[in-house]
Amino acid sequence: MIEYLRRMAPHRAYAIHDGLLNEWGLKVLDDVLAREAGRAGADVRRLRAGESVEL
């Protein structure tokens, strides 16, 4: 969307693909990440708001 706005400079645009910003969308993203992490042998975790880890 950002690239579209930069290149096309429309007078009006509608954000219609923001469903990944809700609980369902995050579940989809987590499932994709888990599948890819499994292939890579990695541990992927999502931090909750305010949560931190020491690296």
N, C-alpha and C. Protein backbone atom coordinates (compact mmCIF):
# COMPACT_ATOMS: atom_id res chain seq x y z
N MET A 1 0.83 -1.19 0.00
CA MET A 1 0.00 0.00 0.00
C MET A 1 0.88 1.24 0.00
N ILE A 2 1.92 1.21 0.78
CA ILE A 2 2.81 2.37 0.84
C ILE A 2 3.45 2.61 -0.53
N GLU A 3 3.94 1.53 -1.13
CA GLU A 3 4.56 1.65 -2.46
C GLU A 3 3.55 2.14 -3.49
N TYR A 4 2.32 1.64 -3.40
CA TYR A 4 1.26 2.09 -4.30
C TYR A 4 1.04 3.59 -4.15
N LEU A 5 0.94 4.05 -2.92
CA LEU A 5 0.72 5.48 -2.68
C LEU A 5 1.88 6.31 -3.22
N ARG A 6 3.09 5.84 -3.02
CA ARG A 6 4.26 6.57 -3.52
C ARG A 6 4.29 6.64 -5.04
N ARG A 7 4.03 5.50 -5.69
CA ARG A 7 4.13 5.46 -7.15
C ARG A 7 2.94 6.08 -7.86
N MET A 8 1.75 5.80 -7.37
CA MET A 8 0.55 6.21 -8.08
C MET A 8 0.01 7.57 -7.64
N ALA A 9 0.31 7.98 -6.43
CA ALA A 9 -0.16 9.25 -5.88
C ALA A 9 -1.66 9.47 -6.13
N PRO A 10 -2.50 8.52 -5.72
CA PRO A 10 -3.94 8.66 -5.97
C PRO A 10 -4.54 9.78 -5.10
N HIS A 11 -5.68 10.28 -5.51
CA HIS A 11 -6.38 11.27 -4.70
C HIS A 11 -7.05 10.61 -3.50
N ARG A 12 -7.41 9.34 -3.65
CA ARG A 12 -8.06 8.59 -2.57
C ARG A 12 -7.64 7.13 -2.68
N ALA A 13 -7.43 6.49 -1.53
CA ALA A 13 -7.10 5.07 -1.49
C ALA A 13 -7.82 4.44 -0.31
N TYR A 14 -8.12 3.16 -0.42
CA TYR A 14 -8.81 2.44 0.65
C TYR A 14 -7.96 1.26 1.12
N ALA A 15 -7.69 1.22 2.40
CA ALA A 15 -6.96 0.10 2.99
C ALA A 15 -7.97 -1.02 3.23
N ILE A 16 -7.85 -2.10 2.46
CA ILE A 16 -8.83 -3.18 2.57
C ILE A 16 -8.22 -4.50 3.04
N HIS A 17 -6.91 -4.55 3.18
CA HIS A 17 -6.25 -5.80 3.55
C HIS A 17 -5.61 -5.69 4.94
N ASP A 18 -6.33 -5.10 5.88
CA ASP A 18 -5.78 -4.96 7.23
C ASP A 18 -6.33 -6.01 8.19
N GLY A 19 -6.93 -7.06 7.67
CA GLY A 19 -7.46 -8.13 8.51
C GLY A 19 -6.38 -8.88 9.26
N LEU A 20 -5.13 -8.79 8.81
CA LEU A 20 -4.05 -9.46 9.54
C LEU A 20 -3.70 -8.75 10.83
N LEU A 21 -4.31 -7.61 11.07
CA LEU A 21 -4.03 -6.86 12.29
C LEU A 21 -4.94 -7.27 13.44
N ASN A 22 -5.82 -8.23 13.23
CA ASN A 22 -6.71 -8.67 14.29
C ASN A 22 -6.26 -10.05 14.81
N GLU A 23 -6.99 -10.57 15.78
CA GLU A 23 -6.62 -11.84 16.40
C GLU A 23 -6.55 -12.98 15.38
N TRP A 24 -7.51 -13.03 14.48
CA TRP A 24 -7.52 -14.09 13.46
C TRP A 24 -6.30 -13.97 12.55
N GLY A 25 -5.99 -12.77 12.12
CA GLY A 25 -4.86 -12.55 11.24
C GLY A 25 -3.54 -12.92 11.90
N LEU A 26 -3.40 -12.59 13.18
CA LEU A 26 -2.18 -12.96 13.90
C LEU A 26 -2.07 -14.47 14.02
N LYS A 27 -3.19 -15.16 14.15
CA LYS A 27 -3.17 -16.63 14.20
C LYS A 27 -2.66 -17.18 12.87
N VAL A 28 -3.13 -16.62 11.76
CA VAL A 28 -2.65 -17.04 10.45
C VAL A 28 -1.14 -16.81 10.35
N LEU A 29 -0.70 -15.64 10.74
CA LEU A 29 0.73 -15.32 10.69
C LEU A 29 1.53 -16.26 11.58
N ASP A 30 1.05 -16.51 12.78
CA ASP A 30 1.75 -17.41 13.70
C ASP A 30 1.86 -18.82 13.12
N ASP A 31 0.81 -19.29 12.45
CA ASP A 31 0.84 -20.61 11.84
C ASP A 31 1.89 -20.68 10.72
N VAL A 32 1.95 -19.64 9.90
CA VAL A 32 2.94 -19.60 8.82
C VAL A 32 4.34 -19.55 9.40
N LEU A 33 4.55 -18.71 10.40
CA LEU A 33 5.86 -18.61 11.03
C LEU A 33 6.26 -19.93 11.69
N ALA A 34 5.32 -20.59 12.35
CA ALA A 34 5.61 -21.86 13.01
C ALA A 34 6.02 -22.92 11.99
N ARG A 35 5.34 -22.95 10.86
CA ARG A 35 5.68 -23.91 9.81
C ARG A 35 7.10 -23.65 9.29
N GLU A 36 7.41 -22.40 9.00
CA GLU A 36 8.74 -22.05 8.50
C GLU A 36 9.80 -22.26 9.57
N ALA A 37 9.48 -21.95 10.81
CA ALA A 37 10.44 -22.16 11.90
C ALA A 37 10.73 -23.64 12.07
N GLY A 38 9.71 -24.48 11.92
CA GLY A 38 9.90 -25.92 12.01
C GLY A 38 10.85 -26.43 10.94
N ARG A 39 10.71 -25.90 9.73
CA ARG A 39 11.61 -26.28 8.64
C ARG A 39 13.05 -25.86 8.92
N ALA A 40 13.20 -24.71 9.58
CA ALA A 40 14.52 -24.16 9.85
C ALA A 40 15.09 -24.64 11.19
N GLY A 41 14.26 -25.35 11.97
CA GLY A 41 14.70 -25.78 13.29
C GLY A 41 14.83 -24.61 14.26
N ALA A 42 14.01 -23.60 14.07
CA ALA A 42 14.06 -22.39 14.90
C ALA A 42 12.89 -22.35 15.88
N ASP A 43 13.05 -21.57 16.91
CA ASP A 43 12.00 -21.34 17.91
C ASP A 43 11.51 -19.91 17.72
N VAL A 44 10.27 -19.75 17.26
CA VAL A 44 9.70 -18.42 17.04
C VAL A 44 8.65 -18.16 18.09
N ARG A 45 8.74 -17.01 18.72
CA ARG A 45 7.78 -16.64 19.76
C ARG A 45 7.29 -15.22 19.52
N ARG A 46 6.09 -14.93 19.98
CA ARG A 46 5.53 -13.58 19.90
C ARG A 46 5.58 -12.95 21.30
N LEU A 47 6.16 -11.77 21.39
CA LEU A 47 6.19 -11.07 22.67
C LEU A 47 4.86 -10.35 22.86
N ARG A 48 4.33 -10.41 24.05
CA ARG A 48 3.11 -9.66 24.37
C ARG A 48 3.48 -8.22 24.65
N ALA A 49 2.51 -7.34 24.55
CA ALA A 49 2.76 -5.92 24.82
C ALA A 49 3.38 -5.77 26.22
N GLY A 50 4.48 -5.08 26.29
CA GLY A 50 5.16 -4.86 27.56
C GLY A 50 6.13 -5.95 27.97
N GLU A 51 6.10 -7.10 27.27
CA GLU A 51 6.97 -8.21 27.59
C GLU A 51 8.35 -7.97 26.95
N SER A 52 9.38 -8.45 27.59
CA SER A 52 10.72 -8.30 27.03
C SER A 52 11.51 -9.57 27.27
N VAL A 53 12.59 -9.71 26.56
CA VAL A 53 13.52 -10.82 26.73
C VAL A 53 14.92 -10.26 26.76
N GLU A 54 15.80 -11.00 27.37
CA GLU A 54 17.19 -10.62 27.38
C GLU A 54 17.91 -11.41 26.30
N LEU A 55 18.60 -10.72 25.43
CA LEU A 55 19.30 -11.37 24.33
C LEU A 55 20.76 -11.59 24.66
